[in-house]
N, C-alpha and C. Protein backbone atom coordinates (compact mmCIF):
# COMPACT_ATOMS: atom_id res chain seq x y z
N MET A 1 264.85 58.38 -72.01
CA MET A 1 266.29 59.07 -71.59
C MET A 1 266.51 60.04 -71.09
N GLY A 2 267.25 60.01 -69.76
CA GLY A 2 267.21 61.56 -68.98
C GLY A 2 268.25 62.14 -69.86
N ALA A 3 268.63 63.58 -68.79
CA ALA A 3 269.30 64.03 -69.29
C ALA A 3 271.03 63.26 -68.80
N GLY A 4 271.06 62.68 -68.30
CA GLY A 4 272.53 62.64 -68.15
C GLY A 4 272.84 61.14 -69.26
N SER A 5 272.07 61.08 -70.46
CA SER A 5 272.40 59.88 -71.26
C SER A 5 273.51 59.76 -71.76
N ASN A 6 274.34 61.36 -72.14
CA ASN A 6 275.37 61.15 -72.58
C ASN A 6 276.33 61.22 -71.72
N GLU A 7 276.33 60.80 -70.75
CA GLU A 7 277.36 60.55 -69.74
C GLU A 7 278.68 59.90 -69.66
N PRO A 8 278.81 58.77 -70.00
CA PRO A 8 279.47 58.01 -70.65
C PRO A 8 280.35 58.46 -71.62
N GLU A 9 279.72 59.21 -73.17
CA GLU A 9 280.31 59.43 -73.86
C GLU A 9 280.97 60.73 -73.27
N VAL A 10 280.81 61.93 -72.93
CA VAL A 10 281.65 62.83 -71.90
C VAL A 10 282.84 62.52 -70.95
N ARG A 11 282.37 61.40 -70.74
CA ARG A 11 283.61 60.80 -69.73
C ARG A 11 284.64 60.36 -70.78
N MET A 12 284.01 59.92 -71.47
CA MET A 12 285.34 59.19 -72.78
C MET A 12 286.03 60.28 -73.18
N LYS A 13 285.66 61.53 -73.45
CA LYS A 13 285.84 62.49 -73.93
C LYS A 13 286.97 62.95 -73.10
N THR A 14 286.88 63.26 -71.99
CA THR A 14 287.60 63.88 -70.61
C THR A 14 288.62 63.26 -70.49
N LEU A 15 288.38 61.50 -70.74
CA LEU A 15 289.59 60.68 -70.18
C LEU A 15 290.70 60.90 -71.38
N PHE A 16 290.12 61.14 -72.67
CA PHE A 16 291.34 61.08 -73.69
C PHE A 16 292.00 62.70 -73.83
N ILE A 17 291.05 63.55 -72.91
CA ILE A 17 291.71 64.63 -73.48
C ILE A 17 293.11 64.67 -71.82
N VAL A 18 292.32 64.15 -71.04
CA VAL A 18 292.87 64.27 -69.40
C VAL A 18 294.40 63.03 -69.91
N ALA A 19 294.31 62.00 -70.68
CA ALA A 19 295.60 60.99 -71.07
C ALA A 19 296.40 61.57 -72.04
N VAL A 20 295.81 62.57 -72.90
CA VAL A 20 297.25 63.08 -73.86
C VAL A 20 297.89 64.16 -72.85
N LEU A 21 296.97 64.98 -72.19
CA LEU A 21 297.73 65.76 -71.01
C LEU A 21 298.95 65.58 -70.49
N ALA A 22 298.50 63.96 -70.18
CA ALA A 22 299.60 63.03 -69.08
C ALA A 22 300.83 62.71 -70.06
N LEU A 23 300.40 61.81 -71.20
CA LEU A 23 301.55 61.97 -72.28
C LEU A 23 302.32 63.32 -72.27
N ILE A 24 301.72 64.49 -72.35
CA ILE A 24 302.68 65.81 -72.76
C ILE A 24 303.67 66.10 -71.47
N VAL A 25 303.16 65.75 -70.48
CA VAL A 25 304.11 66.10 -69.07
C VAL A 25 304.43 64.65 -68.87
N TRP A 26 304.33 63.86 -69.24
CA TRP A 26 305.53 62.21 -69.25
C TRP A 26 306.65 63.05 -70.02
N ASN A 27 306.20 63.54 -71.20
CA ASN A 27 307.49 63.52 -72.14
C ASN A 27 308.34 64.71 -71.52
N LEU A 28 307.43 65.92 -71.29
CA LEU A 28 308.60 67.06 -70.58
C LEU A 28 309.19 66.45 -69.04
N GLY A 29 308.68 65.96 -68.62
CA GLY A 29 309.61 64.94 -67.43
C GLY A 29 310.58 64.51 -67.96
N ALA A 30 310.47 63.64 -69.19
CA ALA A 30 312.00 62.48 -69.68
C ALA A 30 312.81 63.54 -70.22
N GLY A 31 311.99 64.54 -70.80
CA GLY A 31 313.18 65.58 -71.42
C GLY A 31 313.75 65.99 -70.36
N LEU A 32 313.47 66.18 -69.19
CA LEU A 32 314.16 66.93 -68.06
C LEU A 32 315.18 65.80 -67.50
N TYR A 33 314.80 64.53 -67.28
CA TYR A 33 315.63 63.67 -67.04
C TYR A 33 317.06 63.40 -68.27
N TYR A 34 316.41 63.19 -69.07
CA TYR A 34 317.94 63.02 -70.50
C TYR A 34 318.37 64.05 -70.36
N MET A 35 318.07 65.70 -70.15
CA MET A 35 318.78 66.44 -69.94
C MET A 35 319.92 66.46 -68.28
N VAL A 36 319.15 66.06 -67.96
CA VAL A 36 320.47 65.63 -66.61
C VAL A 36 321.01 64.57 -66.62
N VAL A 37 320.49 63.31 -66.87
CA VAL A 37 321.92 62.50 -67.23
C VAL A 37 322.51 62.00 -68.37
N ASP A 38 322.24 62.53 -69.29
CA ASP A 38 322.60 62.32 -70.35
C ASP A 38 323.74 64.04 -70.74
N LYS A 39 323.76 64.73 -70.40
CA LYS A 39 324.51 65.86 -70.17
C LYS A 39 325.05 66.27 -71.79
N GLY A 40 324.05 66.51 -72.56
CA GLY A 40 324.07 66.85 -74.05
C GLY A 40 324.91 65.89 -74.98
N THR A 41 325.04 64.39 -74.51
CA THR A 41 325.88 63.11 -75.39
C THR A 41 324.65 62.69 -76.31
N THR A 42 323.02 62.64 -76.07
CA THR A 42 322.44 61.85 -76.77
C THR A 42 321.36 62.83 -77.18
N ASN A 43 320.49 62.76 -78.40
CA ASN A 43 319.43 63.42 -78.95
C ASN A 43 318.28 62.91 -78.66
N ARG A 44 318.39 62.34 -76.63
CA ARG A 44 316.91 61.55 -76.08
C ARG A 44 316.13 62.87 -75.61
N THR A 45 316.81 64.02 -75.45
CA THR A 45 316.17 65.16 -74.93
C THR A 45 315.51 65.48 -75.85
N VAL A 46 316.02 65.68 -76.94
CA VAL A 46 315.36 66.82 -78.23
C VAL A 46 314.28 65.86 -78.63
N ASN A 47 314.59 64.62 -78.92
CA ASN A 47 313.23 63.40 -78.93
C ASN A 47 312.32 63.78 -78.19
N ALA A 48 312.38 63.66 -76.62
CA ALA A 48 311.53 63.79 -76.03
C ALA A 48 310.78 65.32 -75.62
N LEU A 49 311.36 66.04 -75.98
CA LEU A 49 310.84 67.55 -76.32
C LEU A 49 309.93 67.96 -77.27
N THR A 50 310.60 66.98 -78.02
CA THR A 50 309.42 67.73 -79.67
C THR A 50 308.78 66.87 -79.63
N LYS A 51 308.17 65.66 -79.29
CA LYS A 51 307.19 64.22 -79.07
C LYS A 51 305.93 65.19 -77.90
N ARG A 52 306.64 65.99 -76.87
CA ARG A 52 305.73 67.27 -76.23
C ARG A 52 305.40 67.85 -77.20
N ILE A 53 305.74 68.85 -77.96
CA ILE A 53 305.49 69.44 -78.91
C ILE A 53 304.80 69.23 -79.78
N ALA A 54 304.85 67.96 -80.22
CA ALA A 54 303.71 67.43 -81.47
C ALA A 54 302.70 67.21 -80.89
N LEU A 55 302.29 66.54 -79.48
CA LEU A 55 301.35 66.24 -78.84
C LEU A 55 300.65 67.16 -78.45
N SER A 56 301.55 68.21 -78.01
CA SER A 56 300.31 69.67 -77.55
C SER A 56 299.83 70.24 -78.59
N VAL A 57 300.63 70.39 -79.82
CA VAL A 57 299.91 70.92 -81.42
C VAL A 57 298.61 69.44 -81.69
N ALA A 58 298.95 68.37 -81.62
CA ALA A 58 298.04 67.56 -82.17
C ALA A 58 296.50 68.18 -81.10
N LEU A 59 296.85 67.97 -79.66
CA LEU A 59 295.85 67.74 -78.94
C LEU A 59 294.96 69.42 -79.23
N ILE A 60 295.79 70.44 -79.13
CA ILE A 60 294.84 71.40 -79.56
C ILE A 60 294.38 71.63 -80.85
N LEU A 61 294.90 71.02 -81.72
CA LEU A 61 294.16 70.93 -83.27
C LEU A 61 292.69 70.19 -83.14
N LEU A 62 292.82 68.98 -82.59
CA LEU A 62 291.72 68.16 -82.15
C LEU A 62 290.49 68.76 -81.09
N VAL A 63 291.09 70.05 -80.29
CA VAL A 63 290.20 70.41 -79.59
C VAL A 63 289.49 71.82 -80.49
N ILE A 64 290.21 72.21 -81.45
CA ILE A 64 289.44 73.27 -82.16
C ILE A 64 288.78 72.34 -83.09
N ALA A 65 289.18 71.41 -83.61
CA ALA A 65 288.30 70.67 -84.79
C ALA A 65 286.75 69.79 -83.81
N GLY A 66 287.10 69.65 -82.92
CA GLY A 66 286.38 69.15 -82.22
C GLY A 66 285.18 70.20 -81.31
N ILE A 67 285.54 71.14 -81.28
CA ILE A 67 284.92 72.27 -80.92
C ILE A 67 283.93 73.02 -82.53
N ALA A 68 284.83 73.11 -83.47
CA ALA A 68 284.10 73.35 -84.79
C ALA A 68 283.52 72.58 -85.34
N THR A 69 283.20 71.27 -85.14
CA THR A 69 281.84 70.45 -85.39
C THR A 69 281.30 69.89 -84.49
N GLY A 70 280.86 70.82 -83.52
CA GLY A 70 280.05 70.26 -82.22
C GLY A 70 280.35 68.89 -81.06
N VAL A 71 281.27 68.44 -81.55
CA VAL A 71 281.51 67.01 -80.66
C VAL A 71 282.25 67.94 -79.40
N LEU A 72 282.78 68.23 -79.38
CA LEU A 72 283.04 68.98 -77.84
C LEU A 72 282.48 70.49 -77.86
N GLN A 73 281.80 70.66 -76.51
CA GLN A 73 281.01 72.10 -76.38
C GLN A 73 281.69 72.91 -75.16
N PRO A 74 282.29 74.06 -75.22
CA PRO A 74 282.89 74.75 -74.39
C PRO A 74 281.77 75.07 -73.65
N HIS A 75 282.51 75.75 -72.33
CA HIS A 75 281.41 76.01 -71.44
C HIS A 75 280.83 77.51 -71.56
N ASP A 76 280.45 78.11 -70.92
CA ASP A 76 279.98 80.08 -70.97
C ASP A 76 280.56 80.22 -69.05
N VAL A 77 281.69 79.96 -68.96
CA VAL A 77 281.76 80.44 -67.24
C VAL A 77 282.16 82.11 -67.76
N HIS A 78 282.70 82.40 -68.95
CA HIS A 78 283.49 83.35 -69.09
C HIS A 78 282.36 84.53 -69.25
N ARG A 79 281.31 84.38 -69.75
CA ARG A 79 280.11 85.33 -70.06
C ARG A 79 279.06 85.31 -68.76
N GLY A 80 279.62 85.66 -67.81
CA GLY A 80 278.30 85.81 -66.35
C GLY A 80 277.23 86.71 -66.79
């Protein structure tokens, strides 16, 4: 097995993180849309933004747990 044998695993981790980020941006856009369309008459804006915050916190906690357990490996760009 070569050095690139874990490439599909790395791609899946990256795809998962990007998918969660896309959901976060989607909920942010939905919150903006509901704010403009509903003009404060419903709770859809609050619900969309609450989901965005929950997804953001969950992603941050998952990344921290992944780094702590060794599943994710941060790069060393800042350590020139």
